[in-house]
């Protein structure tokens, strides 16, 4: 169980990952040393897995975002490993989750434009030899992205 200070540390870091120890300690109401020790413990215990910058894809020339549903031909260890290795090695794949329903996986993918996305699906994903079908949904407008996890929220 997390105590109130640890919850406050996690909430603050989700919004301000570059906060100094002093800024963090002021935000959560602890002195710097205990705050630093708690933050380090949260890192060591795996509550904090990494720190990262959030980039603007459009400014980087990435204008085509899509969700791609994937159904595999079969579910042998070899097919799952082939697909998993491909996903891990593909920078265009931002997220991959195993899902219930008609498809096996849901990918969040990015490309410079719709044509590049089509090429990635046709030339890379479908040529793996383990994918039966794909269904692609283009993102028209992103309304919310990468929101903070609801740490310590009642009812969650």
N, C-alpha and C. Protein backbone atom coordinates (compact mmCIF):
# COMPACT_ATOMS: atom_id res chain seq x y z
N UNK A 1 0.83 -1.19 0.00
CA UNK A 1 0.00 0.00 0.00
C UNK A 1 0.88 1.25 0.00
N UNK A 2 0.44 2.22 -0.71
CA UNK A 2 1.13 3.51 -0.76
C UNK A 2 0.56 4.44 0.30
N UNK A 3 1.43 5.20 0.94
CA UNK A 3 0.92 6.19 1.89
C UNK A 3 0.60 7.49 1.14
N UNK A 4 0.04 8.46 1.85
CA UNK A 4 -0.39 9.71 1.22
C UNK A 4 0.77 10.45 0.55
N UNK A 5 1.94 10.43 1.18
CA UNK A 5 3.09 11.13 0.59
C UNK A 5 3.52 10.46 -0.72
N UNK A 6 3.53 9.15 -0.74
CA UNK A 6 3.92 8.43 -1.95
C UNK A 6 2.91 8.68 -3.08
N UNK A 7 1.63 8.71 -2.74
CA UNK A 7 0.60 9.03 -3.74
C UNK A 7 0.84 10.43 -4.30
N UNK A 8 1.13 11.38 -3.43
CA UNK A 8 1.38 12.75 -3.89
C UNK A 8 2.64 12.82 -4.76
N UNK A 9 3.66 12.06 -4.40
CA UNK A 9 4.89 12.03 -5.21
C UNK A 9 4.57 11.51 -6.60
N UNK A 10 3.84 10.40 -6.69
CA UNK A 10 3.51 9.81 -8.00
C UNK A 10 2.62 10.74 -8.82
N UNK A 11 1.65 11.35 -8.20
CA UNK A 11 0.78 12.28 -8.93
C UNK A 11 1.59 13.46 -9.47
N UNK A 12 2.46 14.00 -8.65
CA UNK A 12 3.26 15.15 -9.07
C UNK A 12 4.19 14.78 -10.20
N UNK A 13 4.87 13.64 -10.08
CA UNK A 13 5.83 13.24 -11.12
C UNK A 13 5.15 12.93 -12.45
N UNK A 14 3.90 12.46 -12.42
CA UNK A 14 3.20 12.21 -13.68
C UNK A 14 2.97 13.49 -14.46
N UNK A 15 2.84 14.60 -13.77
CA UNK A 15 2.62 15.89 -14.44
C UNK A 15 3.92 16.67 -14.64
N UNK A 16 4.88 16.46 -13.76
CA UNK A 16 6.13 17.23 -13.78
C UNK A 16 7.30 16.29 -13.55
N UNK A 17 7.60 15.47 -14.54
CA UNK A 17 8.65 14.47 -14.42
C UNK A 17 10.04 15.03 -14.22
N UNK A 18 10.23 16.29 -14.57
CA UNK A 18 11.55 16.91 -14.41
C UNK A 18 11.66 17.74 -13.13
N UNK A 19 10.69 17.59 -12.24
CA UNK A 19 10.72 18.36 -11.00
C UNK A 19 11.98 18.01 -10.21
N UNK A 20 12.63 19.03 -9.69
CA UNK A 20 13.79 18.79 -8.82
C UNK A 20 13.30 18.21 -7.50
N UNK A 21 14.22 17.65 -6.73
CA UNK A 21 13.86 17.12 -5.42
C UNK A 21 13.24 18.22 -4.55
N UNK A 22 13.79 19.42 -4.64
CA UNK A 22 13.24 20.54 -3.85
C UNK A 22 11.81 20.87 -4.29
N UNK A 23 11.58 20.96 -5.60
CA UNK A 23 10.24 21.25 -6.10
C UNK A 23 9.26 20.15 -5.70
N UNK A 24 9.71 18.90 -5.82
CA UNK A 24 8.87 17.77 -5.48
C UNK A 24 8.54 17.77 -3.98
N UNK A 25 9.54 18.03 -3.16
CA UNK A 25 9.31 18.02 -1.71
C UNK A 25 8.33 19.13 -1.31
N UNK A 26 8.43 20.29 -1.94
CA UNK A 26 7.48 21.38 -1.66
C UNK A 26 6.07 21.01 -2.09
N UNK A 27 5.96 20.34 -3.23
CA UNK A 27 4.65 19.97 -3.76
C UNK A 27 3.94 18.93 -2.89
N UNK A 28 4.71 18.03 -2.27
CA UNK A 28 4.09 16.95 -1.49
C UNK A 28 4.10 17.21 0.01
N UNK A 29 4.81 18.24 0.46
CA UNK A 29 4.80 18.59 1.88
C UNK A 29 5.78 17.80 2.73
N UNK A 30 6.91 17.43 2.16
CA UNK A 30 7.98 16.74 2.89
C UNK A 30 9.27 17.53 2.74
N UNK A 31 10.21 17.33 3.63
CA UNK A 31 11.52 17.92 3.42
C UNK A 31 12.23 17.12 2.32
N UNK A 32 13.30 17.68 1.78
CA UNK A 32 13.94 17.13 0.59
C UNK A 32 14.46 15.71 0.79
N UNK A 33 15.17 15.44 1.88
CA UNK A 33 15.77 14.11 2.07
C UNK A 33 14.74 12.99 2.16
N UNK A 34 13.70 13.10 3.01
CA UNK A 34 12.69 12.03 3.02
C UNK A 34 11.96 11.89 1.69
N UNK A 35 11.74 13.00 1.03
CA UNK A 35 11.07 12.95 -0.27
C UNK A 35 11.93 12.19 -1.27
N UNK A 36 13.23 12.49 -1.30
CA UNK A 36 14.15 11.81 -2.21
C UNK A 36 14.19 10.32 -1.92
N UNK A 37 14.25 9.96 -0.62
CA UNK A 37 14.29 8.53 -0.25
C UNK A 37 13.02 7.81 -0.70
N UNK A 38 11.88 8.45 -0.53
CA UNK A 38 10.62 7.83 -0.96
C UNK A 38 10.57 7.68 -2.48
N UNK A 39 11.04 8.70 -3.18
CA UNK A 39 11.06 8.63 -4.64
C UNK A 39 11.97 7.49 -5.09
N UNK A 40 13.14 7.37 -4.50
CA UNK A 40 14.06 6.28 -4.86
C UNK A 40 13.43 4.92 -4.57
N UNK A 41 12.73 4.79 -3.45
CA UNK A 41 12.07 3.53 -3.11
C UNK A 41 10.97 3.21 -4.13
N UNK A 42 10.23 4.24 -4.56
CA UNK A 42 9.20 4.03 -5.59
C UNK A 42 9.82 3.56 -6.91
N UNK A 43 10.99 4.08 -7.23
CA UNK A 43 11.71 3.62 -8.43
C UNK A 43 12.16 2.18 -8.25
N UNK A 44 12.79 1.88 -7.12
CA UNK A 44 13.31 0.53 -6.87
C UNK A 44 12.21 -0.51 -6.81
N UNK A 45 11.05 -0.13 -6.29
CA UNK A 45 9.93 -1.07 -6.18
C UNK A 45 9.13 -1.18 -7.48
N UNK A 46 9.51 -0.41 -8.51
CA UNK A 46 8.88 -0.54 -9.82
C UNK A 46 7.64 0.29 -10.03
N UNK A 47 7.27 1.15 -9.09
CA UNK A 47 6.13 2.04 -9.31
C UNK A 47 6.47 3.07 -10.39
N UNK A 48 7.69 3.54 -10.39
CA UNK A 48 8.18 4.45 -11.42
C UNK A 48 9.07 3.62 -12.33
N UNK A 49 8.66 3.47 -13.58
CA UNK A 49 9.40 2.59 -14.48
C UNK A 49 10.39 3.34 -15.37
N UNK A 50 10.12 4.62 -15.65
CA UNK A 50 11.03 5.42 -16.46
C UNK A 50 10.59 6.87 -16.46
N UNK A 51 11.47 7.72 -16.93
CA UNK A 51 11.16 9.14 -17.13
C UNK A 51 11.33 9.41 -18.62
N UNK A 52 10.41 10.19 -19.18
CA UNK A 52 10.47 10.43 -20.63
C UNK A 52 9.91 11.80 -20.97
N UNK A 53 10.37 12.32 -22.10
CA UNK A 53 9.82 13.57 -22.64
C UNK A 53 8.67 13.22 -23.58
N UNK A 54 7.63 14.04 -23.58
CA UNK A 54 6.50 13.86 -24.49
C UNK A 54 6.73 14.78 -25.68
N UNK A 55 6.81 14.20 -26.88
CA UNK A 55 7.13 14.95 -28.09
C UNK A 55 5.88 15.23 -28.92
N UNK A 56 5.94 16.25 -29.74
CA UNK A 56 4.85 16.60 -30.64
C UNK A 56 5.10 15.92 -31.98
N UNK A 57 4.30 14.89 -32.27
CA UNK A 57 4.47 14.12 -33.50
C UNK A 57 4.32 14.95 -34.75
N UNK A 58 3.39 15.88 -34.76
CA UNK A 58 3.17 16.71 -35.96
C UNK A 58 4.40 17.54 -36.27
N UNK A 59 5.03 18.11 -35.25
CA UNK A 59 6.24 18.90 -35.48
C UNK A 59 7.39 18.05 -35.99
N UNK A 60 7.33 16.75 -35.70
CA UNK A 60 8.35 15.82 -36.18
C UNK A 60 8.00 15.23 -37.55
N UNK A 61 6.88 15.69 -38.13
CA UNK A 61 6.49 15.20 -39.46
C UNK A 61 5.71 13.91 -39.43
N UNK A 62 5.22 13.51 -38.27
CA UNK A 62 4.43 12.29 -38.14
C UNK A 62 2.96 12.68 -38.10
N UNK A 63 2.29 12.52 -39.24
CA UNK A 63 0.93 13.04 -39.39
C UNK A 63 -0.13 11.95 -39.51
N UNK A 64 0.26 10.70 -39.51
CA UNK A 64 -0.71 9.61 -39.64
C UNK A 64 -0.60 8.69 -38.42
N UNK A 65 -1.62 8.76 -37.57
CA UNK A 65 -1.73 7.88 -36.43
C UNK A 65 -2.91 6.96 -36.67
N UNK A 66 -2.78 5.70 -36.28
CA UNK A 66 -3.86 4.75 -36.48
C UNK A 66 -3.80 3.65 -35.43
N UNK A 67 -4.95 3.02 -35.26
CA UNK A 67 -5.04 1.81 -34.45
C UNK A 67 -5.27 0.67 -35.42
N UNK A 68 -4.46 -0.37 -35.30
CA UNK A 68 -4.55 -1.50 -36.21
C UNK A 68 -4.87 -2.75 -35.40
N UNK A 69 -6.02 -3.35 -35.71
CA UNK A 69 -6.38 -4.62 -35.09
C UNK A 69 -5.72 -5.73 -35.89
N UNK A 70 -5.13 -6.67 -35.19
CA UNK A 70 -4.39 -7.76 -35.82
C UNK A 70 -4.99 -9.09 -35.40
N UNK A 71 -5.24 -9.97 -36.38
CA UNK A 71 -5.61 -11.35 -36.10
C UNK A 71 -4.51 -12.24 -36.67
N UNK A 72 -3.98 -13.12 -35.85
CA UNK A 72 -2.94 -14.04 -36.32
C UNK A 72 -3.56 -15.24 -37.02
N UNK A 73 -2.78 -15.86 -37.88
CA UNK A 73 -3.22 -17.06 -38.58
C UNK A 73 -3.45 -18.19 -37.58
N UNK A 74 -2.52 -18.35 -36.67
CA UNK A 74 -2.67 -19.34 -35.61
C UNK A 74 -1.97 -18.81 -34.36
N UNK A 75 -2.05 -19.57 -33.30
CA UNK A 75 -1.53 -19.10 -32.02
C UNK A 75 -0.41 -20.00 -31.52
N UNK A 76 0.40 -20.48 -32.44
CA UNK A 76 1.55 -21.29 -32.05
C UNK A 76 2.59 -20.39 -31.38
N UNK A 77 3.46 -21.01 -30.61
CA UNK A 77 4.54 -20.24 -29.97
C UNK A 77 5.38 -19.51 -31.01
N UNK A 78 5.62 -20.17 -32.14
CA UNK A 78 6.44 -19.57 -33.19
C UNK A 78 5.76 -18.32 -33.77
N UNK A 79 4.46 -18.40 -34.02
CA UNK A 79 3.74 -17.26 -34.59
C UNK A 79 3.70 -16.10 -33.60
N UNK A 80 3.44 -16.39 -32.36
CA UNK A 80 3.38 -15.34 -31.33
C UNK A 80 4.75 -14.71 -31.16
N UNK A 81 5.81 -15.51 -31.18
CA UNK A 81 7.17 -14.97 -31.04
C UNK A 81 7.54 -14.12 -32.25
N UNK A 82 7.22 -14.60 -33.44
CA UNK A 82 7.50 -13.82 -34.65
C UNK A 82 6.83 -12.46 -34.60
N UNK A 83 5.56 -12.46 -34.23
CA UNK A 83 4.83 -11.20 -34.15
C UNK A 83 5.38 -10.31 -33.04
N UNK A 84 5.62 -10.88 -31.88
CA UNK A 84 6.15 -10.11 -30.76
C UNK A 84 7.51 -9.51 -31.06
N UNK A 85 8.39 -10.28 -31.70
CA UNK A 85 9.71 -9.76 -32.07
C UNK A 85 9.59 -8.61 -33.07
N UNK A 86 8.67 -8.76 -34.02
CA UNK A 86 8.44 -7.71 -35.00
C UNK A 86 7.98 -6.42 -34.31
N UNK A 87 7.02 -6.54 -33.42
CA UNK A 87 6.48 -5.37 -32.71
C UNK A 87 7.58 -4.69 -31.90
N UNK A 88 8.36 -5.47 -31.17
CA UNK A 88 9.43 -4.90 -30.35
C UNK A 88 10.47 -4.15 -31.19
N UNK A 89 10.68 -4.60 -32.41
CA UNK A 89 11.69 -3.99 -33.27
C UNK A 89 11.17 -2.91 -34.21
N UNK A 90 9.89 -2.58 -34.12
CA UNK A 90 9.29 -1.62 -35.04
C UNK A 90 9.05 -0.28 -34.36
N UNK A 91 9.83 0.74 -34.72
CA UNK A 91 9.62 2.05 -34.09
C UNK A 91 8.28 2.68 -34.44
N UNK A 92 7.64 2.24 -35.53
CA UNK A 92 6.34 2.78 -35.90
C UNK A 92 5.24 2.32 -34.94
N UNK A 93 5.49 1.21 -34.24
CA UNK A 93 4.51 0.68 -33.29
C UNK A 93 4.75 1.35 -31.95
N UNK A 94 3.82 2.21 -31.56
CA UNK A 94 3.94 2.94 -30.30
C UNK A 94 3.45 2.11 -29.12
N UNK A 95 2.42 1.32 -29.35
CA UNK A 95 1.85 0.48 -28.31
C UNK A 95 1.33 -0.80 -28.95
N UNK A 96 1.36 -1.87 -28.17
CA UNK A 96 0.78 -3.14 -28.60
C UNK A 96 0.17 -3.81 -27.38
N UNK A 97 -1.10 -4.19 -27.50
CA UNK A 97 -1.78 -4.90 -26.42
C UNK A 97 -2.47 -6.13 -26.98
N UNK A 98 -2.51 -7.17 -26.19
CA UNK A 98 -3.29 -8.36 -26.51
C UNK A 98 -4.71 -8.09 -26.03
N UNK A 99 -5.69 -8.38 -26.87
CA UNK A 99 -7.06 -8.00 -26.55
C UNK A 99 -8.02 -9.18 -26.67
N UNK A 100 -9.21 -9.00 -26.12
CA UNK A 100 -10.29 -9.96 -26.30
C UNK A 100 -11.11 -9.52 -27.51
N UNK A 101 -11.98 -10.41 -27.97
CA UNK A 101 -12.84 -10.07 -29.10
C UNK A 101 -12.42 -10.75 -30.37
N UNK A 102 -12.75 -10.15 -31.49
CA UNK A 102 -12.49 -10.75 -32.79
C UNK A 102 -11.03 -10.71 -33.20
N UNK A 103 -10.27 -9.79 -32.65
CA UNK A 103 -8.85 -9.66 -33.00
C UNK A 103 -7.98 -10.14 -31.85
N UNK A 104 -6.71 -10.37 -32.15
CA UNK A 104 -5.77 -10.83 -31.13
C UNK A 104 -4.99 -9.69 -30.49
N UNK A 105 -4.65 -8.68 -31.30
CA UNK A 105 -3.83 -7.57 -30.83
C UNK A 105 -4.38 -6.24 -31.34
N UNK A 106 -4.05 -5.19 -30.61
CA UNK A 106 -4.35 -3.83 -31.06
C UNK A 106 -3.05 -3.05 -31.01
N UNK A 107 -2.67 -2.48 -32.15
CA UNK A 107 -1.45 -1.68 -32.25
C UNK A 107 -1.82 -0.22 -32.40
N UNK A 108 -1.05 0.63 -31.76
CA UNK A 108 -1.10 2.06 -32.05
C UNK A 108 0.14 2.34 -32.88
N UNK A 109 -0.06 2.82 -34.10
CA UNK A 109 1.07 3.01 -35.02
C UNK A 109 1.10 4.44 -35.53
N UNK A 110 2.27 4.84 -36.00
CA UNK A 110 2.46 6.20 -36.50
C UNK A 110 3.31 6.14 -37.77
N UNK A 111 3.06 7.10 -38.66
CA UNK A 111 3.85 7.21 -39.89
C UNK A 111 3.80 8.66 -40.35
N UNK A 112 4.60 8.97 -41.33
CA UNK A 112 4.66 10.35 -41.83
C UNK A 112 3.37 10.76 -42.53
N UNK A 113 2.73 9.82 -43.20
CA UNK A 113 1.49 10.12 -43.93
C UNK A 113 0.73 8.80 -44.15
N UNK A 114 -0.51 8.88 -44.65
CA UNK A 114 -1.29 7.65 -44.86
C UNK A 114 -0.62 6.65 -45.81
N UNK A 115 0.08 7.15 -46.80
CA UNK A 115 0.76 6.24 -47.73
C UNK A 115 1.87 5.45 -47.04
N UNK A 116 2.62 6.11 -46.18
CA UNK A 116 3.68 5.42 -45.43
C UNK A 116 3.08 4.40 -44.47
N UNK A 117 1.93 4.73 -43.91
CA UNK A 117 1.26 3.80 -43.02
C UNK A 117 0.77 2.58 -43.79
N UNK A 118 0.21 2.83 -44.98
CA UNK A 118 -0.22 1.71 -45.82
C UNK A 118 0.96 0.82 -46.16
N UNK A 119 2.08 1.40 -46.52
CA UNK A 119 3.26 0.61 -46.86
C UNK A 119 3.72 -0.21 -45.66
N UNK A 120 3.69 0.37 -44.47
CA UNK A 120 4.09 -0.37 -43.26
C UNK A 120 3.17 -1.57 -43.05
N UNK A 121 1.88 -1.38 -43.23
CA UNK A 121 0.95 -2.49 -43.04
C UNK A 121 1.14 -3.55 -44.12
N UNK A 122 1.19 -3.12 -45.38
CA UNK A 122 1.26 -4.07 -46.49
C UNK A 122 2.61 -4.77 -46.61
N UNK A 123 3.69 -4.00 -46.45
CA UNK A 123 5.02 -4.55 -46.71
C UNK A 123 5.69 -5.13 -45.47
N UNK A 124 5.25 -4.69 -44.31
CA UNK A 124 5.91 -5.17 -43.09
C UNK A 124 5.00 -6.12 -42.30
N UNK A 125 3.84 -5.63 -41.91
CA UNK A 125 2.97 -6.45 -41.05
C UNK A 125 2.45 -7.67 -41.80
N UNK A 126 1.84 -7.47 -42.96
CA UNK A 126 1.22 -8.59 -43.66
C UNK A 126 2.23 -9.56 -44.25
N UNK A 127 3.43 -9.11 -44.49
CA UNK A 127 4.46 -10.01 -45.04
C UNK A 127 5.17 -10.84 -43.97
N UNK A 128 4.78 -10.67 -42.73
CA UNK A 128 5.37 -11.49 -41.67
C UNK A 128 5.05 -12.97 -41.85
N UNK A 129 3.91 -13.24 -42.48
CA UNK A 129 3.50 -14.63 -42.68
C UNK A 129 2.73 -15.21 -41.52
N UNK A 130 2.45 -14.42 -40.47
CA UNK A 130 1.70 -14.93 -39.32
C UNK A 130 0.41 -14.16 -39.10
N UNK A 131 0.16 -13.12 -39.90
CA UNK A 131 -1.02 -12.28 -39.71
C UNK A 131 -2.09 -12.68 -40.72
N UNK A 132 -3.28 -12.99 -40.19
CA UNK A 132 -4.41 -13.35 -41.04
C UNK A 132 -5.07 -12.09 -41.60
N UNK A 133 -5.46 -11.17 -40.70
CA UNK A 133 -6.15 -9.96 -41.14
C UNK A 133 -5.73 -8.77 -40.29
N UNK A 134 -5.93 -7.59 -40.89
CA UNK A 134 -5.76 -6.34 -40.15
C UNK A 134 -6.99 -5.47 -40.41
N UNK A 135 -7.34 -4.68 -39.43
CA UNK A 135 -8.38 -3.67 -39.58
C UNK A 135 -7.79 -2.38 -39.04
N UNK A 136 -7.76 -1.35 -39.87
CA UNK A 136 -7.11 -0.09 -39.50
C UNK A 136 -8.14 1.01 -39.29
N UNK A 137 -7.98 1.71 -38.19
CA UNK A 137 -8.80 2.89 -37.89
C UNK A 137 -7.86 4.08 -37.77
N UNK A 138 -7.98 5.03 -38.70
CA UNK A 138 -7.16 6.24 -38.66
C UNK A 138 -7.66 7.18 -37.57
N UNK A 139 -6.74 7.82 -36.90
CA UNK A 139 -7.09 8.83 -35.91
C UNK A 139 -7.35 10.13 -36.65
N UNK A 140 -8.53 10.67 -36.48
CA UNK A 140 -8.88 11.94 -37.11
C UNK A 140 -8.39 13.11 -36.27
N UNK A 141 -8.61 13.00 -34.96
CA UNK A 141 -8.20 14.06 -34.05
C UNK A 141 -7.96 13.42 -32.69
N UNK A 142 -6.86 13.77 -32.08
CA UNK A 142 -6.55 13.24 -30.76
C UNK A 142 -7.13 14.18 -29.69
N UNK A 143 -7.98 13.63 -28.85
CA UNK A 143 -8.66 14.44 -27.84
C UNK A 143 -7.93 14.39 -26.51
N UNK A 144 -7.42 13.23 -26.15
CA UNK A 144 -6.65 13.06 -24.92
C UNK A 144 -5.60 12.00 -25.17
N UNK A 145 -4.41 12.26 -24.68
CA UNK A 145 -3.32 11.31 -24.90
C UNK A 145 -2.43 11.26 -23.67
N UNK A 146 -2.06 10.06 -23.29
CA UNK A 146 -1.08 9.88 -22.23
C UNK A 146 -1.45 10.52 -20.91
N UNK A 147 -2.71 10.47 -20.57
CA UNK A 147 -3.13 11.04 -19.30
C UNK A 147 -2.50 10.32 -18.14
N UNK A 148 -2.44 10.99 -16.99
CA UNK A 148 -1.85 10.36 -15.82
C UNK A 148 -2.72 9.22 -15.30
N UNK A 149 -2.10 8.22 -14.69
CA UNK A 149 -2.85 7.15 -14.06
C UNK A 149 -3.55 7.69 -12.82
N UNK A 150 -4.73 7.19 -12.50
CA UNK A 150 -5.48 7.72 -11.36
C UNK A 150 -4.97 7.17 -10.03
N UNK A 151 -3.81 7.64 -9.60
CA UNK A 151 -3.17 7.16 -8.37
C UNK A 151 -3.94 7.68 -7.16
N UNK A 152 -4.38 6.74 -6.31
CA UNK A 152 -5.05 7.12 -5.08
C UNK A 152 -6.44 7.69 -5.24
N UNK A 153 -7.02 7.57 -6.43
CA UNK A 153 -8.37 8.09 -6.66
C UNK A 153 -9.40 7.12 -6.08
N UNK A 154 -10.40 7.62 -5.39
CA UNK A 154 -11.43 6.73 -4.84
C UNK A 154 -12.22 6.06 -5.95
N UNK A 155 -12.55 4.80 -5.75
CA UNK A 155 -13.37 4.07 -6.70
C UNK A 155 -12.61 3.55 -7.90
N UNK A 156 -11.30 3.69 -7.92
CA UNK A 156 -10.52 3.20 -9.06
C UNK A 156 -9.73 1.98 -8.65
